[in-house]
Amino acid sequence: MEQMSKTETIALREKYIGQSCQLFFRKDPIKIVRARGQYMYDEKGDAYLDCINNVCHVGHCHPDVVKAACDQISTLNTNNRFLHDEIVLCAERILSTMPDELSVCYFVNSGSEANDLAIRLAQIHTGNKDVIALEHLIT
């Protein structure tokens, strides 16, 4: 994979990526080029402990996760609105580890989808439509 200089990457990001998709450490962003386990590495090879991304439970590039993803993608790569076996088998396996009160799964693609789902479920449960949102911006 081609690796551009940090300056080139910043210039292309400013050109092609919307400004609302803000970088961490905007004054001097860290350019991450690879990751393994709990660490991400910049273009100089410096390691950073990853406490931000959603990989804390198994780490980046975990061989079992990579294999499972490759196996699934080589068979079927679609959303959960089509009927297929894997999603119900996955839900069954997850729910077998949960208390009986937790009896259904909701599969989402991102933290944003999870937040949206949580708001909709709360609105259905309470009958209220009002939401209070707080913003915390990392600069």
N, C-alpha and C. Protein backbone atom coordinates (compact mmCIF):
# COMPACT_ATOMS: atom_id res chain seq x y z
N MET A 1 0.84 -1.17 0.00
CA MET A 1 0.00 0.00 0.00
C MET A 1 0.89 1.24 0.00
N GLU A 2 0.55 2.18 -0.86
CA GLU A 2 1.32 3.41 -0.95
C GLU A 2 1.18 4.23 0.33
N GLN A 3 2.29 4.80 0.77
CA GLN A 3 2.24 5.66 1.94
C GLN A 3 2.68 7.06 1.55
N MET A 4 1.80 8.02 1.74
CA MET A 4 2.09 9.42 1.45
C MET A 4 2.71 10.06 2.68
N SER A 5 3.30 11.22 2.46
CA SER A 5 3.80 11.98 3.60
C SER A 5 2.60 12.48 4.42
N LYS A 6 2.84 12.79 5.65
CA LYS A 6 1.78 13.32 6.52
C LYS A 6 1.20 14.60 5.92
N THR A 7 2.04 15.45 5.37
CA THR A 7 1.58 16.71 4.76
C THR A 7 0.66 16.43 3.57
N GLU A 8 1.04 15.46 2.72
CA GLU A 8 0.20 15.11 1.57
C GLU A 8 -1.15 14.55 2.03
N THR A 9 -1.13 13.70 3.05
CA THR A 9 -2.37 13.11 3.55
C THR A 9 -3.29 14.20 4.10
N ILE A 10 -2.72 15.14 4.85
CA ILE A 10 -3.52 16.25 5.40
C ILE A 10 -4.13 17.06 4.26
N ALA A 11 -3.34 17.37 3.24
CA ALA A 11 -3.84 18.17 2.11
C ALA A 11 -4.98 17.46 1.40
N LEU A 12 -4.84 16.17 1.14
CA LEU A 12 -5.91 15.42 0.47
C LEU A 12 -7.13 15.28 1.36
N ARG A 13 -6.92 15.12 2.65
CA ARG A 13 -8.06 15.04 3.58
C ARG A 13 -8.84 16.35 3.55
N GLU A 14 -8.13 17.47 3.60
CA GLU A 14 -8.80 18.78 3.55
C GLU A 14 -9.56 18.96 2.24
N LYS A 15 -9.06 18.37 1.17
CA LYS A 15 -9.71 18.50 -0.15
C LYS A 15 -10.92 17.58 -0.29
N TYR A 16 -10.82 16.33 0.21
CA TYR A 16 -11.83 15.32 -0.11
C TYR A 16 -12.75 14.90 1.05
N ILE A 17 -12.39 15.22 2.28
CA ILE A 17 -13.18 14.78 3.43
C ILE A 17 -13.88 15.99 4.02
N GLY A 18 -15.17 15.86 4.27
CA GLY A 18 -15.96 16.96 4.82
C GLY A 18 -15.40 17.47 6.14
N GLN A 19 -15.51 18.79 6.36
CA GLN A 19 -14.96 19.42 7.55
C GLN A 19 -15.63 18.95 8.84
N SER A 20 -16.84 18.43 8.74
CA SER A 20 -17.51 17.95 9.95
C SER A 20 -16.89 16.65 10.47
N CYS A 21 -16.09 15.98 9.66
CA CYS A 21 -15.35 14.78 10.09
C CYS A 21 -14.00 15.24 10.62
N GLN A 22 -13.99 15.68 11.86
CA GLN A 22 -12.80 16.30 12.43
C GLN A 22 -11.80 15.28 12.94
N LEU A 23 -10.55 15.64 12.84
CA LEU A 23 -9.46 14.81 13.32
C LEU A 23 -9.25 14.98 14.82
N PHE A 24 -8.74 13.95 15.47
CA PHE A 24 -8.20 14.11 16.80
C PHE A 24 -6.88 14.87 16.66
N PHE A 25 -6.54 15.65 17.64
CA PHE A 25 -5.26 16.35 17.67
C PHE A 25 -5.07 17.18 16.40
N ARG A 26 -6.02 18.08 16.14
CA ARG A 26 -6.04 18.82 14.88
C ARG A 26 -4.80 19.66 14.62
N LYS A 27 -4.17 20.19 15.65
CA LYS A 27 -2.98 21.03 15.43
C LYS A 27 -1.81 20.20 14.88
N ASP A 28 -1.68 18.99 15.35
CA ASP A 28 -0.62 18.09 14.89
C ASP A 28 -1.15 16.66 14.93
N PRO A 29 -1.98 16.30 13.94
CA PRO A 29 -2.61 14.98 13.99
C PRO A 29 -1.60 13.84 13.89
N ILE A 30 -1.93 12.76 14.57
CA ILE A 30 -1.11 11.56 14.49
C ILE A 30 -1.53 10.81 13.23
N LYS A 31 -0.59 10.48 12.38
CA LYS A 31 -0.90 9.72 11.17
C LYS A 31 -0.70 8.24 11.48
N ILE A 32 -1.79 7.52 11.60
CA ILE A 32 -1.77 6.09 11.91
C ILE A 32 -1.64 5.32 10.60
N VAL A 33 -0.68 4.40 10.54
CA VAL A 33 -0.47 3.63 9.31
C VAL A 33 -0.75 2.14 9.47
N ARG A 34 -0.76 1.65 10.72
CA ARG A 34 -1.10 0.25 10.94
C ARG A 34 -1.44 0.06 12.41
N ALA A 35 -1.96 -1.13 12.71
CA ALA A 35 -2.31 -1.45 14.09
C ALA A 35 -2.18 -2.95 14.31
N ARG A 36 -1.93 -3.30 15.55
CA ARG A 36 -1.83 -4.71 15.92
C ARG A 36 -2.09 -4.80 17.41
N GLY A 37 -2.98 -5.74 17.79
CA GLY A 37 -3.30 -5.87 19.21
C GLY A 37 -3.90 -4.59 19.74
N GLN A 38 -3.39 -4.11 20.86
CA GLN A 38 -3.94 -2.91 21.48
C GLN A 38 -3.23 -1.64 21.02
N TYR A 39 -2.30 -1.75 20.08
CA TYR A 39 -1.50 -0.60 19.67
C TYR A 39 -1.79 -0.17 18.23
N MET A 40 -1.69 1.14 18.01
CA MET A 40 -1.68 1.72 16.67
C MET A 40 -0.30 2.34 16.49
N TYR A 41 0.17 2.38 15.24
CA TYR A 41 1.52 2.86 14.95
C TYR A 41 1.47 3.99 13.94
N ASP A 42 2.28 5.02 14.20
CA ASP A 42 2.33 6.13 13.25
C ASP A 42 3.37 5.87 12.17
N GLU A 43 3.52 6.83 11.27
CA GLU A 43 4.42 6.65 10.13
C GLU A 43 5.89 6.55 10.54
N LYS A 44 6.21 6.94 11.77
CA LYS A 44 7.59 6.83 12.26
C LYS A 44 7.81 5.52 13.03
N GLY A 45 6.74 4.74 13.21
CA GLY A 45 6.86 3.48 13.95
C GLY A 45 6.57 3.62 15.44
N ASP A 46 6.22 4.82 15.90
CA ASP A 46 5.89 5.01 17.31
C ASP A 46 4.56 4.34 17.62
N ALA A 47 4.51 3.67 18.77
CA ALA A 47 3.31 2.94 19.18
C ALA A 47 2.44 3.80 20.08
N TYR A 48 1.12 3.68 19.91
CA TYR A 48 0.14 4.38 20.73
C TYR A 48 -0.85 3.36 21.26
N LEU A 49 -1.07 3.36 22.55
CA LEU A 49 -2.07 2.48 23.14
C LEU A 49 -3.45 2.98 22.72
N ASP A 50 -4.24 2.14 22.07
CA ASP A 50 -5.53 2.54 21.52
C ASP A 50 -6.62 2.39 22.58
N CYS A 51 -7.04 3.50 23.13
CA CYS A 51 -8.14 3.52 24.10
C CYS A 51 -9.35 4.24 23.52
N ILE A 52 -9.37 4.48 22.22
CA ILE A 52 -10.43 5.25 21.58
C ILE A 52 -11.31 4.39 20.70
N ASN A 53 -10.71 3.58 19.84
CA ASN A 53 -11.48 2.80 18.88
C ASN A 53 -12.22 1.65 19.55
N ASN A 54 -13.10 1.06 18.81
CA ASN A 54 -13.95 -0.01 19.34
C ASN A 54 -13.29 -1.38 19.21
N VAL A 55 -12.03 -1.48 19.60
CA VAL A 55 -11.32 -2.74 19.49
C VAL A 55 -10.75 -3.21 20.82
N CYS A 56 -11.10 -2.52 21.87
CA CYS A 56 -10.48 -2.80 23.18
C CYS A 56 -10.68 -4.24 23.62
N HIS A 57 -11.75 -4.88 23.21
CA HIS A 57 -12.04 -6.23 23.69
C HIS A 57 -11.15 -7.30 23.06
N VAL A 58 -10.70 -7.15 21.83
CA VAL A 58 -9.82 -8.16 21.22
C VAL A 58 -8.59 -7.56 20.56
N GLY A 59 -8.55 -6.28 20.37
CA GLY A 59 -7.40 -5.64 19.75
C GLY A 59 -7.51 -5.58 18.24
N HIS A 60 -6.62 -4.83 17.64
CA HIS A 60 -6.56 -4.70 16.18
C HIS A 60 -5.99 -5.98 15.57
N CYS A 61 -6.53 -6.37 14.45
CA CYS A 61 -5.98 -7.45 13.63
C CYS A 61 -5.85 -8.78 14.38
N HIS A 62 -6.73 -9.04 15.32
CA HIS A 62 -6.68 -10.32 16.04
C HIS A 62 -6.88 -11.44 15.03
N PRO A 63 -5.99 -12.43 14.99
CA PRO A 63 -6.06 -13.45 13.93
C PRO A 63 -7.38 -14.21 13.88
N ASP A 64 -7.99 -14.47 15.02
CA ASP A 64 -9.28 -15.19 15.02
C ASP A 64 -10.38 -14.32 14.42
N VAL A 65 -10.36 -13.02 14.73
CA VAL A 65 -11.37 -12.10 14.20
C VAL A 65 -11.16 -11.90 12.70
N VAL A 66 -9.91 -11.74 12.30
CA VAL A 66 -9.60 -11.58 10.87
C VAL A 66 -10.06 -12.82 10.09
N LYS A 67 -9.78 -14.01 10.61
CA LYS A 67 -10.19 -15.25 9.93
C LYS A 67 -11.71 -15.34 9.84
N ALA A 68 -12.40 -15.07 10.96
CA ALA A 68 -13.87 -15.14 10.97
C ALA A 68 -14.46 -14.14 9.97
N ALA A 69 -13.90 -12.93 9.93
CA ALA A 69 -14.41 -11.92 8.99
C ALA A 69 -14.16 -12.35 7.55
N CYS A 70 -12.96 -12.86 7.27
CA CYS A 70 -12.65 -13.32 5.91
C CYS A 70 -13.55 -14.49 5.50
N ASP A 71 -13.77 -15.43 6.42
CA ASP A 71 -14.65 -16.56 6.12
C ASP A 71 -16.06 -16.08 5.80
N GLN A 72 -16.58 -15.15 6.61
CA GLN A 72 -17.93 -14.66 6.39
C GLN A 72 -18.02 -13.86 5.10
N ILE A 73 -17.08 -12.95 4.88
CA ILE A 73 -17.12 -12.11 3.69
C ILE A 73 -16.97 -12.95 2.42
N SER A 74 -16.21 -14.03 2.49
CA SER A 74 -16.04 -14.87 1.30
C SER A 74 -17.30 -15.68 1.00
N THR A 75 -18.21 -15.77 1.97
CA THR A 75 -19.47 -16.48 1.77
C THR A 75 -20.62 -15.53 1.49
N LEU A 76 -20.75 -14.50 2.32
CA LEU A 76 -21.87 -13.57 2.22
C LEU A 76 -21.51 -12.28 2.92
N ASN A 77 -21.72 -11.16 2.25
CA ASN A 77 -21.46 -9.85 2.84
C ASN A 77 -22.65 -8.96 2.52
N THR A 78 -23.64 -8.99 3.39
CA THR A 78 -24.86 -8.23 3.15
C THR A 78 -25.36 -7.66 4.47
N ASN A 79 -26.44 -6.92 4.42
CA ASN A 79 -27.00 -6.36 5.65
C ASN A 79 -27.99 -7.34 6.28
N ASN A 80 -28.50 -6.97 7.44
CA ASN A 80 -29.37 -7.89 8.17
C ASN A 80 -30.83 -7.80 7.76
N ARG A 81 -31.14 -7.16 6.67
CA ARG A 81 -32.53 -7.10 6.19
C ARG A 81 -32.87 -8.24 5.24
N PHE A 82 -31.84 -9.06 4.92
CA PHE A 82 -32.09 -10.27 4.16
C PHE A 82 -32.09 -11.45 5.12
N LEU A 83 -32.91 -12.43 4.84
CA LEU A 83 -32.99 -13.62 5.68
C LEU A 83 -31.79 -14.52 5.39
N HIS A 84 -31.01 -14.79 6.42
CA HIS A 84 -29.91 -15.75 6.29
C HIS A 84 -29.61 -16.35 7.66
N ASP A 85 -28.95 -17.51 7.65
CA ASP A 85 -28.75 -18.28 8.88
C ASP A 85 -27.83 -17.62 9.88
N GLU A 86 -26.75 -17.02 9.41
CA GLU A 86 -25.69 -16.57 10.32
C GLU A 86 -26.17 -15.57 11.36
N ILE A 87 -27.06 -14.67 10.99
CA ILE A 87 -27.48 -13.66 11.96
C ILE A 87 -28.29 -14.28 13.10
N VAL A 88 -29.15 -15.25 12.79
CA VAL A 88 -29.94 -15.86 13.87
C VAL A 88 -29.08 -16.79 14.72
N LEU A 89 -28.11 -17.45 14.10
CA LEU A 89 -27.20 -18.30 14.87
C LEU A 89 -26.31 -17.46 15.79
N CYS A 90 -25.88 -16.32 15.29
CA CYS A 90 -25.07 -15.41 16.10
C CYS A 90 -25.89 -14.88 17.28
N ALA A 91 -27.12 -14.45 17.01
CA ALA A 91 -27.99 -13.95 18.08
C ALA A 91 -28.25 -15.03 19.13
N GLU A 92 -28.51 -16.24 18.66
CA GLU A 92 -28.76 -17.35 19.59
C GLU A 92 -27.54 -17.59 20.48
N ARG A 93 -26.37 -17.56 19.88
CA ARG A 93 -25.14 -17.79 20.65
C ARG A 93 -24.92 -16.67 21.68
N ILE A 94 -25.12 -15.43 21.28
CA ILE A 94 -24.96 -14.31 22.21
C ILE A 94 -25.97 -14.42 23.36
N LEU A 95 -27.23 -14.67 23.02
CA LEU A 95 -28.28 -14.70 24.04
C LEU A 95 -28.14 -15.89 24.99
N SER A 96 -27.46 -16.94 24.56
CA SER A 96 -27.25 -18.07 25.46
C SER A 96 -26.35 -17.71 26.64
N THR A 97 -25.65 -16.59 26.53
CA THR A 97 -24.77 -16.15 27.61
C THR A 97 -25.42 -15.08 28.49
N MET A 98 -26.64 -14.69 28.17
CA MET A 98 -27.31 -13.57 28.85
C MET A 98 -28.39 -14.05 29.80
N PRO A 99 -28.78 -13.20 30.76
CA PRO A 99 -29.93 -13.53 31.61
C PRO A 99 -31.20 -13.63 30.75
N ASP A 100 -32.18 -14.36 31.23
CA ASP A 100 -33.41 -14.59 30.46
C ASP A 100 -34.12 -13.29 30.07
N GLU A 101 -33.98 -12.24 30.90
CA GLU A 101 -34.67 -10.98 30.61
C GLU A 101 -34.14 -10.32 29.32
N LEU A 102 -32.92 -10.65 28.96
CA LEU A 102 -32.34 -10.13 27.72
C LEU A 102 -32.51 -11.19 26.65
N SER A 103 -33.58 -11.04 25.87
CA SER A 103 -34.00 -12.13 25.00
C SER A 103 -34.00 -11.83 23.51
N VAL A 104 -33.59 -10.63 23.12
CA VAL A 104 -33.49 -10.31 21.69
C VAL A 104 -32.20 -9.53 21.44
N CYS A 105 -31.74 -9.57 20.20
CA CYS A 105 -30.53 -8.83 19.80
C CYS A 105 -30.91 -7.77 18.78
N TYR A 106 -30.19 -6.69 18.85
CA TYR A 106 -30.24 -5.65 17.83
C TYR A 106 -28.82 -5.51 17.30
N PHE A 107 -28.62 -5.74 16.02
CA PHE A 107 -27.30 -5.60 15.43
C PHE A 107 -27.22 -4.26 14.72
N VAL A 108 -26.21 -3.49 15.04
CA VAL A 108 -26.03 -2.19 14.41
C VAL A 108 -24.61 -2.10 13.85
N ASN A 109 -24.40 -1.10 13.04
CA ASN A 109 -23.15 -0.96 12.30
C ASN A 109 -22.18 0.04 12.91
N SER A 110 -22.65 0.86 13.83
CA SER A 110 -21.79 1.92 14.35
C SER A 110 -22.34 2.43 15.68
N GLY A 111 -21.53 3.23 16.34
CA GLY A 111 -21.98 3.88 17.56
C GLY A 111 -23.14 4.81 17.30
N SER A 112 -23.14 5.46 16.15
CA SER A 112 -24.25 6.36 15.81
C SER A 112 -25.56 5.58 15.67
N GLU A 113 -25.50 4.44 15.00
CA GLU A 113 -26.70 3.60 14.88
C GLU A 113 -27.15 3.10 16.24
N ALA A 114 -26.20 2.74 17.10
CA ALA A 114 -26.54 2.27 18.44
C ALA A 114 -27.23 3.37 19.24
N ASN A 115 -26.70 4.60 19.14
CA ASN A 115 -27.32 5.72 19.84
C ASN A 115 -28.73 5.98 19.32
N ASP A 116 -28.90 5.96 18.00
CA ASP A 116 -30.21 6.17 17.40
C ASP A 116 -31.20 5.11 17.87
N LEU A 117 -30.77 3.86 17.88
CA LEU A 117 -31.62 2.77 18.34
C LEU A 117 -31.99 2.95 19.81
N ALA A 118 -31.02 3.31 20.63
CA ALA A 118 -31.28 3.50 22.07
C ALA A 118 -32.32 4.60 22.29
N ILE A 119 -32.22 5.68 21.52
CA ILE A 119 -33.21 6.76 21.65
C ILE A 119 -34.59 6.27 21.23
N ARG A 120 -34.67 5.56 20.11
CA ARG A 120 -35.98 5.06 19.65
C ARG A 120 -36.59 4.07 20.65
N LEU A 121 -35.76 3.19 21.21
CA LEU A 121 -36.27 2.24 22.20
C LEU A 121 -36.75 2.95 23.45
N ALA A 122 -36.01 3.96 23.90
CA ALA A 122 -36.42 4.73 25.08
C ALA A 122 -37.72 5.47 24.81
N GLN A 123 -37.87 6.02 23.61
CA GLN A 123 -39.11 6.72 23.27
C GLN A 123 -40.30 5.76 23.24
N ILE A 124 -40.11 4.59 22.69
CA ILE A 124 -41.18 3.59 22.66
C ILE A 124 -41.54 3.15 24.07
N HIS A 125 -40.52 2.91 24.89
CA HIS A 125 -40.74 2.42 26.25
C HIS A 125 -41.42 3.47 27.12
N THR A 126 -41.01 4.73 27.02
CA THR A 126 -41.53 5.78 27.91
C THR A 126 -42.72 6.52 27.33
N GLY A 127 -42.88 6.50 26.01
CA GLY A 127 -43.91 7.29 25.37
C GLY A 127 -43.51 8.75 25.23
N ASN A 128 -42.35 9.13 25.69
CA ASN A 128 -41.86 10.50 25.58
C ASN A 128 -41.04 10.67 24.31
N LYS A 129 -41.08 11.85 23.74
CA LYS A 129 -40.33 12.11 22.51
C LYS A 129 -39.16 13.07 22.73
N ASP A 130 -39.09 13.71 23.89
CA ASP A 130 -38.02 14.68 24.15
C ASP A 130 -36.71 13.98 24.43
N VAL A 131 -35.62 14.61 23.98
CA VAL A 131 -34.28 14.08 24.18
C VAL A 131 -33.39 15.23 24.63
N ILE A 132 -32.54 14.98 25.60
CA ILE A 132 -31.53 15.95 26.00
C ILE A 132 -30.19 15.42 25.49
N ALA A 133 -29.50 16.24 24.73
CA ALA A 133 -28.19 15.83 24.19
C ALA A 133 -27.13 16.79 24.70
N LEU A 134 -26.04 16.24 25.14
CA LEU A 134 -24.90 17.03 25.59
C LEU A 134 -23.76 16.83 24.61
N GLU A 135 -23.02 17.87 24.35
CA GLU A 135 -21.90 17.77 23.42
C GLU A 135 -20.60 17.98 24.17
N HIS A 136 -19.66 17.11 23.87
CA HIS A 136 -18.30 17.25 24.41
C HIS A 136 -17.36 17.14 23.23
N LEU A 137 -16.65 18.18 22.93
CA LEU A 137 -15.78 18.21 21.77
C LEU A 137 -14.33 18.04 22.19
N ILE A 138 -13.65 17.09 21.58
CA ILE A 138 -12.23 16.87 21.84
C ILE A 138 -11.46 17.78 20.90
N THR A 139 -10.63 18.63 21.46
CA THR A 139 -9.84 19.54 20.62
C THR A 139 -8.37 19.31 20.80
